[in-house]
């Protein structure tokens, strides 16, 4: 009776394991190439490392960390997701311009986008009576309207009081420093009490006659210097304040 021939057993690892190893190596190279072509991001790097480590079975838990939830949480690089700062200031300026035209105040309130941000410049007669710091009824109305527009931004706002160089000396305001500072503070306090703007975004400053925009040599130039500036600050300017 003939003996049954034994199947020959090859030495070394099974052939399928070599194929599997090649496939995993190619996958690793593929993901590394994808990662190298993308911008370096700490969160993305962590996600890729976790996912690859889990896939190769080297995590302590032996489970695979999926990359999908972390990718979905990445901030979008698309410029169309949110408006740029320039667009935001331009939109606010147009909205405020329409409000001023409605209120017939275009000649007394100036709007300007500059290196600090969006400037809203009020001549003092728009908000206050001469030599006083109490807001007039007209001032409250216009500040309400302006605040409505500023509710739509999260940027910081500084209110700055300025005077001309004519000295003042009263019981309430011994000098232009007290007058300019009190005017700025009263505008801020009114905004806090009558709008939904977060108080942490607001600040006030008084500069007396130290930052004139005209030469103070005439009635008209002194009138220009008596003003309250409201500045919606750019992001880089916020960090300096």
Foldseek 3Di string as FASTA:
>chain_A
DDDDDDDDDDDDDDPVVVVVVVVLVVVVVVLVVVVVPDDDDPLLVVLSVQQNCLVVQNDPVNHGDDSVVSVVPDDDPDCVPDPDLVVLLVVLQVQLVVVCVVVVCPVQWDWDQDPFGIKTKGQVVQFDDPPDQHGDPSNLVSLLSSLVSVVVDLFAKEKEFEAAPDFDPDPQDHTQQSRRQSNRVNSLVSCVVRHPRDSVRYYYHYDYHPDQPADSPDPVSRSRRGIMMMGRGDPVNVVVD
